[in-house]
Amino acid sequence: MEHKVKPYTATGSKKEQVEKMFDNIAHRYDFLNRFLSFGIDKSWRKKAIKLLSAYKPKRILDVATGTADFAIATLKLKPEEVIGVDISEQMLAKGREKLKEEGIKNIRLQRGDSEELQFEDGSFDAVIVAFGVRNFENLEQGLSEMNRILKPGGVAMILEFSKPRGFFGILFKIYSSVIVPLWGKIFSGDSSAYTYLPESVKAFPEGEDFKAILNKCKYQNVKDHRLTFGICSIYIGEK
């Protein structure tokens, strides 16, 4: 199960270790995202926003917002309010710097636990997550919380790494298990963080398995879109 994969040690809370990990790498997180994905991560978010536009959300919650890249991307939809929550204060600090530099006023970032969201039932038209759900300590609890705070007819949109197949899958496995940890260690100073990345992707229940979990958590009309030879998937579930 995915919750057994932790950044640092086999014992102790995954949540606390994930918080520590992102605090440790926040200073190089955006650079490494662009560098390690060759900039393709921007196109993934762009595709997700295009799919999200069909729902015309006015109030959006970005769970595991990190440095707020996905939250900022939603501004193309002209929402009335966007809130980003994350457990890492250092990641949020970087996100707030970015908002200040770009003069963005209608995104609010706050510390929050994805498995205990501090919002009322039916508060949001859309909940989005980019590469965050595999870091949940309790995946079903986090997904159920996201469903709880959605309005009826609202949508959850989740970007997450998946496992490409065939020859490209072999190349990606070598890249993610050998090159990514090496470069991650060099640039971030935290070797464990970028060893955890491929391990967490490997353990995550992707594709039909993850769609079944979304159905179990009471999402309707669940769909997925595989991008870039299957490296990334966009999952959509409605309330």
C-alpha atoms as a PDB file:
ATOM      1  CA  MET A   1       0.000   0.000   0.000  1.00  0.00           C
ATOM      2  CA  GLU A   2       1.147   3.533  -0.780  1.00  0.00           C
ATOM      3  CA  HIS A   3       1.062   4.719   2.836  1.00  0.00           C
ATOM      4  CA  LYS A   4       3.981   2.429   3.698  1.00  0.00           C
ATOM      5  CA  VAL A   5       6.347   4.443   1.491  1.00  0.00           C
ATOM      6  CA  LYS A   6       7.822   7.285   3.558  1.00  0.00           C
ATOM      7  CA  PRO A   7      10.541   9.821   2.783  1.00  0.00           C
ATOM      8  CA  TYR A   8      12.938   9.128   5.649  1.00  0.00           C
ATOM      9  CA  THR A   9      12.284   6.197   7.987  1.00  0.00           C
ATOM     10  CA  ALA A  10       9.982   3.197   8.083  1.00  0.00           C
ATOM     11  CA  THR A  11       8.700   4.185  11.511  1.00  0.00           C
ATOM     12  CA  GLY A  12       6.888   7.375  12.474  1.00  0.00           C
ATOM     13  CA  SER A  13       4.160   9.394  10.822  1.00  0.00           C
ATOM     14  CA  LYS A  14       4.254   9.749   7.042  1.00  0.00           C
ATOM     15  CA  LYS A  15       2.541  13.124   7.405  1.00  0.00           C
ATOM     16  CA  GLU A  16       5.288  14.513   9.612  1.00  0.00           C
ATOM     17  CA  GLN A  17       7.993  13.160   7.314  1.00  0.00           C
ATOM     18  CA  VAL A  18       6.333  14.640   4.214  1.00  0.00           C
ATOM     19  CA  GLU A  19       6.085  18.018   5.968  1.00  0.00           C
ATOM     20  CA  LYS A  20       9.784  17.860   6.891  1.00  0.00           C
ATOM     21  CA  MET A  21      10.733  16.791   3.369  1.00  0.00           C
ATOM     22  CA  PHE A  22       8.960  19.690   1.674  1.00  0.00           C
ATOM     23  CA  ASP A  23      10.292  22.159   4.235  1.00  0.00           C
ATOM     24  CA  ASN A  24      13.785  20.872   3.380  1.00  0.00           C
ATOM     25  CA  ILE A  25      13.461  21.153  -0.417  1.00  0.00           C
ATOM     26  CA  ALA A  26      11.229  24.244  -0.697  1.00  0.00           C
ATOM     27  CA  HIS A  27      14.166  26.493  -1.614  1.00  0.00           C
ATOM     28  CA  ARG A  28      14.839  24.484  -4.806  1.00  0.00           C
ATOM     29  CA  TYR A  29      11.412  22.952  -5.446  1.00  0.00           C
ATOM     30  CA  ASP A  30      10.288  25.075  -8.410  1.00  0.00           C
ATOM     31  CA  PHE A  31      13.656  24.861 -10.137  1.00  0.00           C
ATOM     32  CA  LEU A  32      13.816  21.083  -9.744  1.00  0.00           C
ATOM     33  CA  ASN A  33      10.240  20.660 -10.982  1.00  0.00           C
ATOM     34  CA  ARG A  34      11.104  22.447 -14.234  1.00  0.00           C
ATOM     35  CA  PHE A  35      14.519  20.828 -14.536  1.00  0.00           C
ATOM     36  CA  LEU A  36      13.555  17.219 -13.819  1.00  0.00           C
ATOM     37  CA  SER A  37      10.405  17.318 -15.984  1.00  0.00           C
ATOM     38  CA  PHE A  38      12.113  19.290 -18.787  1.00  0.00           C
ATOM     39  CA  GLY A  39       9.337  21.863 -18.321  1.00  0.00           C
ATOM     40  CA  ILE A  40       6.590  19.418 -19.359  1.00  0.00           C
ATOM     41  CA  ASP A  41       4.829  19.854 -15.997  1.00  0.00           C
ATOM     42  CA  LYS A  42       3.578  23.243 -17.219  1.00  0.00           C
ATOM     43  CA  SER A  43       1.759  21.603 -20.136  1.00  0.00           C
ATOM     44  CA  TRP A  44       0.157  19.080 -17.767  1.00  0.00           C
ATOM     45  CA  ARG A  45      -1.319  21.852 -15.643  1.00  0.00           C
ATOM     46  CA  LYS A  46      -2.425  23.701 -18.775  1.00  0.00           C
ATOM     47  CA  LYS A  47      -4.306  20.602 -19.972  1.00  0.00           C
ATOM     48  CA  ALA A  48      -5.947  20.194 -16.559  1.00  0.00           C
ATOM     49  CA  ILE A  49      -7.102  23.814 -16.554  1.00  0.00           C
ATOM     50  CA  LYS A  50      -8.607  23.351 -20.011  1.00  0.00           C
ATOM     51  CA  LEU A  51     -10.597  20.370 -18.723  1.00  0.00           C
ATOM     52  CA  LEU A  52     -11.587  22.273 -15.583  1.00  0.00           C
ATOM     53  CA  SER A  53     -12.915  25.205 -17.634  1.00  0.00           C
ATOM     54  CA  ALA A  54     -15.983  23.164 -18.627  1.00  0.00           C
ATOM     55  CA  TYR A  55     -17.182  23.346 -15.000  1.00  0.00           C
ATOM     56  CA  LYS A  56     -16.830  27.146 -14.713  1.00  0.00           C
ATOM     57  CA  PRO A  57     -15.797  27.006 -11.034  1.00  0.00           C
ATOM     58  CA  LYS A  58     -16.097  30.222  -9.023  1.00  0.00           C
ATOM     59  CA  ARG A  59     -14.551  29.006  -5.764  1.00  0.00           C
ATOM     60  CA  ILE A  60     -11.570  26.662  -5.986  1.00  0.00           C
ATOM     61  CA  LEU A  61      -9.535  24.859  -3.339  1.00  0.00           C
ATOM     62  CA  ASP A  62      -6.007  23.747  -4.237  1.00  0.00           C
ATOM     63  CA  VAL A  63      -5.002  20.939  -1.858  1.00  0.00           C
ATOM     64  CA  ALA A  64      -1.263  20.347  -1.301  1.00  0.00           C
ATOM     65  CA  THR A  65      -0.745  23.634  -3.117  1.00  0.00           C
ATOM     66  CA  GLY A  66       3.009  23.740  -2.514  1.00  0.00           C
ATOM     67  CA  THR A  67       4.351  26.935  -4.097  1.00  0.00           C
ATOM     68  CA  ALA A  68       0.927  27.636  -5.668  1.00  0.00           C
ATOM     69  CA  ASP A  69       1.682  26.864  -9.340  1.00  0.00           C
ATOM     70  CA  PHE A  70      -1.626  25.061  -9.900  1.00  0.00           C
ATOM     71  CA  ALA A  71      -3.581  27.698  -7.967  1.00  0.00           C
ATOM     72  CA  ILE A  72      -2.062  30.437 -10.118  1.00  0.00           C
ATOM     73  CA  ALA A  73      -2.904  28.510 -13.291  1.00  0.00           C
ATOM     74  CA  THR A  74      -6.615  28.532 -12.337  1.00  0.00           C
ATOM     75  CA  LEU A  75      -6.723  32.325 -12.639  1.00  0.00           C
ATOM     76  CA  LYS A  76      -7.229  31.854 -16.383  1.00  0.00           C
ATOM     77  CA  LEU A  77     -10.731  30.673 -15.461  1.00  0.00           C
ATOM     78  CA  LYS A  78     -11.448  33.966 -13.686  1.00  0.00           C
ATOM     79  CA  PRO A  79     -12.632  32.414 -10.391  1.00  0.00           C
ATOM     80  CA  GLU A  80     -13.939  34.625  -7.616  1.00  0.00           C
ATOM     81  CA  GLU A  81     -11.656  33.043  -5.004  1.00  0.00           C
ATOM     82  CA  VAL A  82      -8.864  30.477  -4.874  1.00  0.00           C
ATOM     83  CA  ILE A  83      -7.549  29.042  -1.613  1.00  0.00           C
ATOM     84  CA  GLY A  84      -4.425  26.910  -1.401  1.00  0.00           C
ATOM     85  CA  VAL A  85      -3.654  24.675   1.584  1.00  0.00           C
ATOM     86  CA  ASP A  86      -0.468  22.802   2.414  1.00  0.00           C
ATOM     87  CA  ILE A  87       1.190  21.294   5.494  1.00  0.00           C
ATOM     88  CA  SER A  88       4.608  22.784   4.685  1.00  0.00           C
ATOM     89  CA  GLU A  89       5.114  26.343   5.902  1.00  0.00           C
ATOM     90  CA  GLN A  90       8.301  26.691   3.850  1.00  0.00           C
ATOM     91  CA  MET A  91       6.494  25.775   0.631  1.00  0.00           C
ATOM     92  CA  LEU A  92       3.714  28.224   1.466  1.00  0.00           C
ATOM     93  CA  ALA A  93       6.296  30.941   2.134  1.00  0.00           C
ATOM     94  CA  LYS A  94       7.712  30.429  -1.359  1.00  0.00           C
ATOM     95  CA  GLY A  95       4.191  30.509  -2.772  1.00  0.00           C
ATOM     96  CA  ARG A  96       3.418  33.787  -0.994  1.00  0.00           C
ATOM     97  CA  GLU A  97       6.619  35.316  -2.384  1.00  0.00           C
ATOM     98  CA  LYS A  98       5.480  34.300  -5.866  1.00  0.00           C
ATOM     99  CA  LEU A  99       2.014  35.827  -5.377  1.00  0.00           C
ATOM    100  CA  LYS A 100       3.548  39.052  -4.117  1.00  0.00           C
ATOM    101  CA  GLU A 101       5.982  39.268  -7.030  1.00  0.00           C
ATOM    102  CA  GLU A 102       3.182  38.725  -9.547  1.00  0.00           C
ATOM    103  CA  GLY A 103       0.774  41.072  -7.769  1.00  0.00           C
ATOM    104  CA  ILE A 104      -1.874  38.370  -7.332  1.00  0.00           C
ATOM    105  CA  LYS A 105      -4.552  39.317  -4.786  1.00  0.00           C
ATOM    106  CA  ASN A 106      -7.326  36.728  -5.108  1.00  0.00           C
ATOM    107  CA  ILE A 107      -5.366  33.647  -4.043  1.00  0.00           C
ATOM    108  CA  ARG A 108      -5.074  32.941  -0.324  1.00  0.00           C
ATOM    109  CA  LEU A 109      -2.561  30.422   0.987  1.00  0.00           C
ATOM    110  CA  GLN A 110      -2.881  28.827   4.415  1.00  0.00           C
ATOM    111  CA  ARG A 111      -1.475  25.915   6.347  1.00  0.00           C
ATOM    112  CA  GLY A 112      -3.857  22.963   6.338  1.00  0.00           C
ATOM    113  CA  ASP A 113      -4.078  19.199   6.621  1.00  0.00           C
ATOM    114  CA  SER A 114      -5.524  17.553   3.510  1.00  0.00           C
ATOM    115  CA  GLU A 115      -7.138  14.874   5.667  1.00  0.00           C
ATOM    116  CA  GLU A 116      -8.849  17.367   7.994  1.00  0.00           C
ATOM    117  CA  LEU A 117      -9.859  20.303   5.819  1.00  0.00           C
ATOM    118  CA  GLN A 118     -11.077  23.259   7.854  1.00  0.00           C
ATOM    119  CA  PHE A 119     -13.965  24.195   5.569  1.00  0.00           C
ATOM    120  CA  GLU A 120     -17.704  23.658   5.737  1.00  0.00           C
ATOM    121  CA  ASP A 121     -19.518  20.997   3.709  1.00  0.00           C
ATOM    122  CA  GLY A 122     -20.257  22.088   0.140  1.00  0.00           C
ATOM    123  CA  SER A 123     -17.938  25.102   0.215  1.00  0.00           C
ATOM    124  CA  PHE A 124     -16.231  24.813  -3.184  1.00  0.00           C
ATOM    125  CA  ASP A 125     -17.105  24.347  -6.846  1.00  0.00           C
ATOM    126  CA  ALA A 126     -13.811  22.579  -7.519  1.00  0.00           C
ATOM    127  CA  VAL A 127     -11.004  20.936  -5.593  1.00  0.00           C
ATOM    128  CA  ILE A 128      -7.694  20.439  -7.366  1.00  0.00           C
ATOM    129  CA  VAL A 129      -4.504  18.580  -6.435  1.00  0.00           C
ATOM    130  CA  ALA A 130      -1.258  18.389  -8.407  1.00  0.00           C
ATOM    131  CA  PHE A 131       1.112  15.575  -7.459  1.00  0.00           C
ATOM    132  CA  GLY A 132      -0.055  15.574  -3.861  1.00  0.00           C
ATOM    133  CA  VAL A 133      -2.457  12.712  -3.221  1.00  0.00           C
ATOM    134  CA  ARG A 134       0.254  10.058  -3.189  1.00  0.00           C
ATOM    135  CA  ASN A 135       1.713  11.924  -0.187  1.00  0.00           C
ATOM    136  CA  PHE A 136      -1.484  11.535   1.860  1.00  0.00           C
ATOM    137  CA  GLU A 137      -1.052   9.371   4.933  1.00  0.00           C
ATOM    138  CA  ASN A 138      -4.604   8.085   4.548  1.00  0.00           C
ATOM    139  CA  LEU A 139      -5.553   8.323   0.876  1.00  0.00           C
ATOM    140  CA  GLU A 140      -9.251   7.528   1.255  1.00  0.00           C
ATOM    141  CA  GLN A 141      -9.683   9.942   4.136  1.00  0.00           C
ATOM    142  CA  GLY A 142      -8.097  12.754   2.134  1.00  0.00           C
ATOM    143  CA  LEU A 143     -10.222  12.027  -0.940  1.00  0.00           C
ATOM    144  CA  SER A 144     -13.371  11.822   1.201  1.00  0.00           C
ATOM    145  CA  GLU A 145     -12.572  15.185   2.783  1.00  0.00           C
ATOM    146  CA  MET A 146     -12.212  16.707  -0.669  1.00  0.00           C
ATOM    147  CA  ASN A 147     -15.597  15.267  -1.606  1.00  0.00           C
ATOM    148  CA  ARG A 148     -17.179  16.592   1.582  1.00  0.00           C
ATOM    149  CA  ILE A 149     -16.273  20.222   0.927  1.00  0.00           C
ATOM    150  CA  LEU A 150     -17.438  20.077  -2.715  1.00  0.00           C
ATOM    151  CA  LYS A 151     -20.820  21.498  -3.675  1.00  0.00           C
ATOM    152  CA  PRO A 152     -23.257  19.076  -5.347  1.00  0.00           C
ATOM    153  CA  GLY A 153     -22.216  19.001  -8.997  1.00  0.00           C
ATOM    154  CA  GLY A 154     -18.718  20.137  -8.077  1.00  0.00           C
ATOM    155  CA  VAL A 155     -15.583  18.505  -9.425  1.00  0.00           C
ATOM    156  CA  ALA A 156     -12.311  17.124  -8.103  1.00  0.00           C
ATOM    157  CA  MET A 157      -9.380  17.246 -10.508  1.00  0.00           C
ATOM    158  CA  ILE A 158      -6.231  15.352  -9.567  1.00  0.00           C
ATOM    159  CA  LEU A 159      -2.910  15.319 -11.403  1.00  0.00           C
ATOM    160  CA  GLU A 160      -0.626  12.484 -10.386  1.00  0.00           C
ATOM    161  CA  PHE A 161       2.328  10.589 -11.746  1.00  0.00           C
ATOM    162  CA  SER A 162       1.575   7.222 -13.284  1.00  0.00           C
ATOM    163  CA  LYS A 163       3.660   4.401 -14.708  1.00  0.00           C
ATOM    164  CA  PRO A 164       4.314   4.428 -18.457  1.00  0.00           C
ATOM    165  CA  ARG A 165       4.339   1.073 -20.217  1.00  0.00           C
ATOM    166  CA  GLY A 166       6.485  -0.581 -22.865  1.00  0.00           C
ATOM    167  CA  PHE A 167       9.947   0.562 -23.910  1.00  0.00           C
ATOM    168  CA  PHE A 168       9.295   4.137 -22.783  1.00  0.00           C
ATOM    169  CA  GLY A 169       8.302   2.750 -19.401  1.00  0.00           C
ATOM    170  CA  ILE A 170      11.712   1.088 -19.098  1.00  0.00           C
ATOM    171  CA  LEU A 171      13.480   4.356 -19.947  1.00  0.00           C
ATOM    172  CA  PHE A 172      11.318   6.270 -17.484  1.00  0.00           C
ATOM    173  CA  LYS A 173      12.033   3.748 -14.737  1.00  0.00           C
ATOM    174  CA  ILE A 174      15.777   4.174 -15.227  1.00  0.00           C
ATOM    175  CA  TYR A 175      15.442   7.949 -15.330  1.00  0.00           C
ATOM    176  CA  SER A 176      13.250   8.185 -12.216  1.00  0.00           C
ATOM    177  CA  SER A 177      15.156   5.647 -10.122  1.00  0.00           C
ATOM    178  CA  VAL A 178      18.721   6.633 -11.050  1.00  0.00           C
ATOM    179  CA  ILE A 179      18.924  10.124 -12.578  1.00  0.00           C
ATOM    180  CA  VAL A 180      16.233  11.880 -10.533  1.00  0.00           C
ATOM    181  CA  PRO A 181      17.670  10.913  -7.109  1.00  0.00           C
ATOM    182  CA  LEU A 182      21.170  11.936  -8.236  1.00  0.00           C
ATOM    183  CA  TRP A 183      20.161  15.344  -9.546  1.00  0.00           C
ATOM    184  CA  GLY A 184      17.757  15.846  -6.654  1.00  0.00           C
ATOM    185  CA  LYS A 185      20.550  15.241  -4.155  1.00  0.00           C
ATOM    186  CA  ILE A 186      22.934  17.584  -5.984  1.00  0.00           C
ATOM    187  CA  PHE A 187      20.511  20.490  -6.297  1.00  0.00           C
ATOM    188  CA  SER A 188      18.347  20.154  -3.167  1.00  0.00           C
ATOM    189  CA  GLY A 189      20.783  18.620  -0.703  1.00  0.00           C
ATOM    190  CA  ASP A 190      18.144  16.082   0.354  1.00  0.00           C
ATOM    191  CA  SER A 191      18.847  12.695  -1.204  1.00  0.00           C
ATOM    192  CA  SER A 192      15.924  11.010   0.552  1.00  0.00           C
ATOM    193  CA  ALA A 193      13.317  13.357  -0.985  1.00  0.00           C
ATOM    194  CA  TYR A 194      14.142  12.384  -4.559  1.00  0.00           C
ATOM    195  CA  THR A 195      14.558   8.723  -3.730  1.00  0.00           C
ATOM    196  CA  TYR A 196      11.078   8.850  -2.179  1.00  0.00           C
ATOM    197  CA  LEU A 197       9.617  10.308  -5.405  1.00  0.00           C
ATOM    198  CA  PRO A 198      10.029   7.232  -7.642  1.00  0.00           C
ATOM    199  CA  GLU A 199       9.216   4.885  -4.762  1.00  0.00           C
ATOM    200  CA  SER A 200       5.962   6.711  -4.016  1.00  0.00           C
ATOM    201  CA  VAL A 201       5.002   6.687  -7.702  1.00  0.00           C
ATOM    202  CA  LYS A 202       5.725   2.951  -7.903  1.00  0.00           C
ATOM    203  CA  ALA A 203       3.518   2.257  -4.868  1.00  0.00           C
ATOM    204  CA  PHE A 204       0.621   4.520  -5.884  1.00  0.00           C
ATOM    205  CA  PRO A 205      -2.585   2.811  -7.126  1.00  0.00           C
ATOM    206  CA  GLU A 206      -2.808   4.363 -10.576  1.00  0.00           C
ATOM    207  CA  GLY A 207      -5.314   4.034 -13.413  1.00  0.00           C
ATOM    208  CA  GLU A 208      -8.276   1.727 -12.835  1.00  0.00           C
ATOM    209  CA  ASP A 209      -7.170   1.041  -9.251  1.00  0.00           C
ATOM    210  CA  PHE A 210      -7.221   4.723  -8.358  1.00  0.00           C
ATOM    211  CA  LYS A 211     -10.510   5.272 -10.185  1.00  0.00           C
ATOM    212  CA  ALA A 212     -12.012   2.479  -8.072  1.00  0.00           C
ATOM    213  CA  ILE A 213     -10.862   4.290  -4.922  1.00  0.00           C
ATOM    214  CA  LEU A 214     -12.467   7.519  -6.165  1.00  0.00           C
ATOM    215  CA  ASN A 215     -15.724   5.629  -6.727  1.00  0.00           C
ATOM    216  CA  LYS A 216     -15.461   4.191  -3.211  1.00  0.00           C
ATOM    217  CA  CYS A 217     -15.072   7.752  -1.886  1.00  0.00           C
ATOM    218  CA  LYS A 218     -18.414   8.646  -3.528  1.00  0.00           C
ATOM    219  CA  TYR A 219     -17.198  10.404  -6.659  1.00  0.00           C
ATOM    220  CA  GLN A 220     -19.341  10.061  -9.785  1.00  0.00           C
ATOM    221  CA  ASN A 221     -18.521   9.962 -13.516  1.00  0.00           C
ATOM    222  CA  VAL A 222     -14.879   9.201 -12.768  1.00  0.00           C
ATOM    223  CA  LYS A 223     -12.540   9.579 -15.758  1.00  0.00           C
ATOM    224  CA  ASP A 224      -8.822   9.687 -16.408  1.00  0.00           C
ATOM    225  CA  HIS A 225      -6.586  11.143 -19.096  1.00  0.00           C
ATOM    226  CA  ARG A 226      -3.044   9.809 -19.548  1.00  0.00           C
ATOM    227  CA  LEU A 227      -0.466  12.340 -20.717  1.00  0.00           C
ATOM    228  CA  THR A 228       3.065  12.167 -22.173  1.00  0.00           C
ATOM    229  CA  PHE A 229       3.219   8.399 -22.781  1.00  0.00           C
ATOM    230  CA  GLY A 230       1.539   7.766 -19.430  1.00  0.00           C
ATOM    231  CA  ILE A 231       3.989   9.629 -17.163  1.00  0.00           C
ATOM    232  CA  CYS A 232       1.135  11.732 -15.778  1.00  0.00           C
ATOM    233  CA  SER A 233      -2.606  11.145 -15.391  1.00  0.00           C
ATOM    234  CA  ILE A 234      -5.432  13.596 -14.835  1.00  0.00           C
ATOM    235  CA  TYR A 235      -8.289  12.108 -12.822  1.00  0.00           C
ATOM    236  CA  ILE A 236     -11.710  13.731 -12.727  1.00  0.00           C
ATOM    237  CA  GLY A 237     -14.492  12.907 -10.305  1.00  0.00           C
ATOM    238  CA  GLU A 238     -17.795  14.724  -9.779  1.00  0.00           C
ATOM    239  CA  LYS A 239     -19.978  15.029  -6.705  1.00  0.00           C
END
